[in-house]
Amino acid sequence: MKKTIRNPHRDFTRFLCPVLSIAFLFQGALETYAAGPVERLETYTISASGLAMPLLTRSGKKPDNVAKSVDRTISGKVTDENDQPLPGVSIVVKGSTIGTASKADGTFSLNVKEGSVTLVFSFMGYVAHEVATGNKTSIDVKLLPNAEQLKEVVVVGYGTQQKKDLTGSVGSISAKDIETSTINTPDKALQGKIAGVQVHTNSHAPGGGIAVQVRGTASLSAGGSPLYVIDGMPISSGTQTSASTDAGSFGGAPNPLNSIDPSDIESVQVLKDASATAIYGSRAANGVVLISTKRGKANQHNVDFDISVGVQQARRKLPFLNAEQWAQQANERATLLSRPPTYTQAQVAAFGKGTDWQNEVFQAAPRQAYKLAFSGGGQNLRYLIGGNYTSQNGILPGSSFKRYGTTINLDADVSKRLRIGESLLFSVTDQYTVPTDTKGYEGISNVINAIYQAPPTIPARDSLGLPNNLRNFPLGSGLENPLTMTEQYKQLSNTLRLIGTAYANYNIMDGLDLDIRVGADIRDWRYHEYYPIGSEAAAGASGKARQIAVRNINITNANTLTYTKTINNLHKLKVLGGFTYQREKNETMDASSFGFPSDVFQYYNLGLGSSPQTPGSNQNEWTLISYLGRVNYTFNDKYLLTASIRADGDSKFGANNKYGIFPSVALAWQLGDEPFIRNLGVFDLLKLRTSFGRTGNESIGVYRSLSLLGTSFGTRSSYIFGGSKVPIAYPNNIPNPDLSWEKTQEYNLGLDFSLFKNRLSVSVDAYYKKTTDLLLDVPISSQTGFSSVLKNTGAMLNKGIEIGVNSTNLAGKLGWTTNFNIAFNRNEILSLGGAPYQYTGWVGGGNVTPHDKNTARLEPGHSVGEFYGSIYEGVWKSTEEIKQVGTMPAAKPGDIRYKDVNGDGTYNTESDDVFLGNPNPKFNFGLTNDLNYGPLSLHVFMYGEYGNSVLNLAKQQWLLDGLGVSAMRLDRWSPTNPNGIYPGAGASNPQRVSSIMVEDGSFLRIQTIALTCKLPSFSKFIKNARIGIGVDNLAVLTKYTGYDPELNSYGSSNTTKGMDRYGYPSARTFRLDLKLGF
């Protein structure tokens, strides 16, 4: 049947059509759930939009599986294997929607039609049971534990282990956890899901950087990210050269996991304590993330097609002055500086609201993702072959992220003893960025900073529709139109990546297996940028172009022997021994040029530039050779022991310290299986765990232990011989043959327990993690010709508590589960190798001038990255007050007043600056709720942090500057408002880092709300179909005054955290998802 509705409002119907489509599909599914399968599919067409909407309806004939009469009642009781009542058991008439749930005492009562029916009894953790009723009216059922669920297997280093036998601290998420939200990278999937794993978004740009920390910051200068292992292959850390680091700083550092599609992942395990991570030795101090990709299953043949489309919008816009208010401030400034007014009163009145630069720049941006996968196989050959495509535009024009990916996973049983297989991930990513999150050097302008500075009195575009040149207007000198940056600046990162692993597993004899794996991670990263003629970023030149090329080739080989033996069903022994080899090679090229005759060629022809710069190139490589072993022993399934050891030889370190030993031991006691606990009838599971281990951190530059040669040649050379600059080479640093990795010793105590028939599961871990031999640059005598040398010195401590709670709140027709985790961490610097303190967090540019332009101070007794600066005391109200106090005699009324902390009568940054805030949260948490009713599923996920501070450096421009655009500037000082709390329009003193920039960064983010519906079967070719709607980043509850409290303009730096220097704003996403299985 086809009907037509005529509607002249085309735009409205374009919006209405997909909304009604979703509503009708949900309506049809709910009707089906209540009354059986769909009998008829009607289509409505709205002619104005030309779009068709399916409407699921039921025919007048009642489906056969709907009860026509209810003639009798069946009652009974459900118990467990110990004859204890089971509440919340789902009891459903097979083939219908008639059902109920058992009560607290295990009893149930259900009305059914006359005749024999089959009842299905199901409960989490137990084997489903079917009973034919016949003519019975009373049925008692005993459910037995699901042995397969009890044998749940998790991936650990170089093998697998049953979850119930774990002795270490391991967190995990599944494909279901990953599929519920809109994410581009696997590391984002960990956010708020595992206690002790802090995932922080550094930049909200499409494809922006993510920082992952496991149990706090454990290093100052070495890497702070965990080791990532994909299908047994330790992937490249994405080594960043100075060139690529510079490029990343102009648009948000690139994320090395961007090339991996989250939909390819089956599970992720995070190894947290040293007993779990020590098997990875010198690379495990920051934790280990094990990623397993999806694989084909025997005796199945599936085709899965997933679609997700959505639109993004800026989650928050800041309150700014309108044009009239800003013009009044400009005139006020002119008066205070003894200058004529910038605007006449008529002009001020005529400006009105003027230009809203946030509305002009921010845009609605589409996002779409598609995946097609073929999987299955027989007993001897299993396969998964798939392709994926993701495209996300940014809310700032000119920014976007695209990824094209292919996955090929094969497993083959060649014989009863030999199994071989491979895993292959190949992807191409294109990431366009605009200048945000920058550190403010090399003259690179910034879109967000430009929004903060652009006068609302100036139109955004000229008569031709092009971005106006702000420098042609009053008070526009030195300013860049943010639209010029988003439309004309070009920054492109292109990555080709291949991650492949091949394996062979041979069963030598009963209980003895040999596993050989060979893998490669090849990453080719290219960066291109062009800044047009006349732009601020071109530093006065006629255009600037740059190209960077970085190639990483990482080859690994792992060979292990595993022996498994069970004796008298009491003693279970598993012994692992192995040898691994890894070699990585990195190549870099960097070239740039200035002075182009036209913007047409951009970065495609550097030779056209009249001022080509001397190119730079680099090559380095390193090797890691390791021996490893592990023993797992279980006695009577109650007493568990795990011991491991690894020996690493690393070419990065000094000749005297190339080798290290990393041992660990862990014990666990299944207390719940002891008669004195089991007889209490309280615990379904009670396990006590404890462990100790030693790990290392070797994430430093490849040749830091050696003396390197620096070069100076061409335009960079400063040595003149015979009237000409000549190339020279010179020692660049002092070698250190004793250089070694940082060492971390960790103690862990854990408790796992389950209650109420496993409906409530709790895991608690307490840890003490001390890192010594920190890699620090230590000052040395100037007589050496150098200022410092890299040494192992200093120490740091992390200690904390982690709690994870999983509960089944409702079971049956209406299901409700909750997952909650919370982690408390305390970080403390114990020593800096004798130095009393070090400054960090260089920001450069502008008027930020304390301590050589640093924002944080490292000092024993304090946490890493604590902000350091002056205490803001408002503004000077009058000349009399300035003279009376006398601490800042050069100030004038309306200038910022800083506190004289030491009371010596004079304000001085060196003696009066103090610690202002801590970017490390007191705790972070995550909460997930899933509700299911019939075909409907509701997923709600939120996460947050508490007790951390954010340094809002953007306040330098939009609040503290005399021409700031923030609406808070309405409470500025002026001769008529001497009690104003913000600097006057004529303020001139330096805008130092101060307490007014340090804000409470605590937040609660409602990250995902998604409603999905399982559609009824309407085709014999479709096995299953689900449709859903969702919103991501719905709301953030916070006191922070910037765009978003969760960001760090300095990327994944260990020592400079929580800094908002014109960061990319976060977006709210509305999406529609469709999953089809054939």
Foldseek 3Di string as FASTA:
>chain_A
DEDEDEDQPQVVCVVVQVVVLVVQQQVLQVVCQAFNDFDDWYWYAHVSHRDIHIHTDHDPDGDPQDDPDFDAKAKEFEEEPVRAGAWFKWKAFPPHNFTDTAHPRRMDMGTDHPAWTKIWTDDPQWDIDIDIQGRDRYDYYYTYGDVVVQQDWDDFQPGIGGPLQDQADKDKDFLVLVPFFDDQFPLVSCDQRFWQWHKFFFFQFAQAFIFIFGQAAFFFPFDRHAFEAEPNRGADPPDDDPVLLQLCLQFHRGYPRSQDGSNQWGMKMKGHFFLRQCLVFARDQRTYIYTYGDWFDAPDKWKKKKKKKWKWFFQDDFFWAFQLVLLVLQQQQCVVVVHHRPDDPVLSVVCPRFAQLVVVFFDIKMKMKIKIWIWYYHPFKTKIKMKMWIKTQGRGAQWIKIKTKIWIKMWGDPDPFKIKIKIKIKMKMKTKGFGFLHLPPLQNDHLLLLSFQQRSSDHQADPVRHGDQQCVGPPSNPGGRSVCRNPPKTKMKMKIKMKMKIKMWGDPDVQKIKIKMKIKIKMKIKIKIKDAAPDSSLVNFHIKIKMKIKIKIKIKMKIKMWGWDDDPVFKTKIKMKIKMKMKMKMKMKMWMATHAPGCVCTHVCRPRHPGTDDMDMDMDMKMKIKIKMKMWMGGRSFKIKIKMKMKIAIQQAAPVARIDMKIKMKIKGFPCPDCVNVVVVWWPTKMKMKMKIKHWGDRDDRHQQDWDKDKAADPRAPDDDPNHGHIDIDTDADHHNHADTKMKMKIKIKIWTAGSSRQKIKIKMKMKMKIFQHFDWAADDCVVVDGTGTTGGWMKIKIWMKMWMKGFPHHYLKTKIKIKIKMFMDIFTADDRPDQKDFDQASDDDQAPPPNRGFAMHGGPDGFQFGKWWAWDFWALALVSCVVLQQCVVFGGLATDTDQQVPPSHDDTVRHMDGQFAQDFRMKMKMWMWIDHRFKIKIWIKIWTFRGKAQEPSCVRQFAALSHTRPLCVQGDRNVRSVRRHGRSNYDDGPYRYNVRIDGLTKMWRAKIKMKGWRRDDDPVWPTKMKMKMKGRNDMDDPDSDQHQRHHSSHNNSRHPRYRDRHHHHIMMIMMMMMIMD
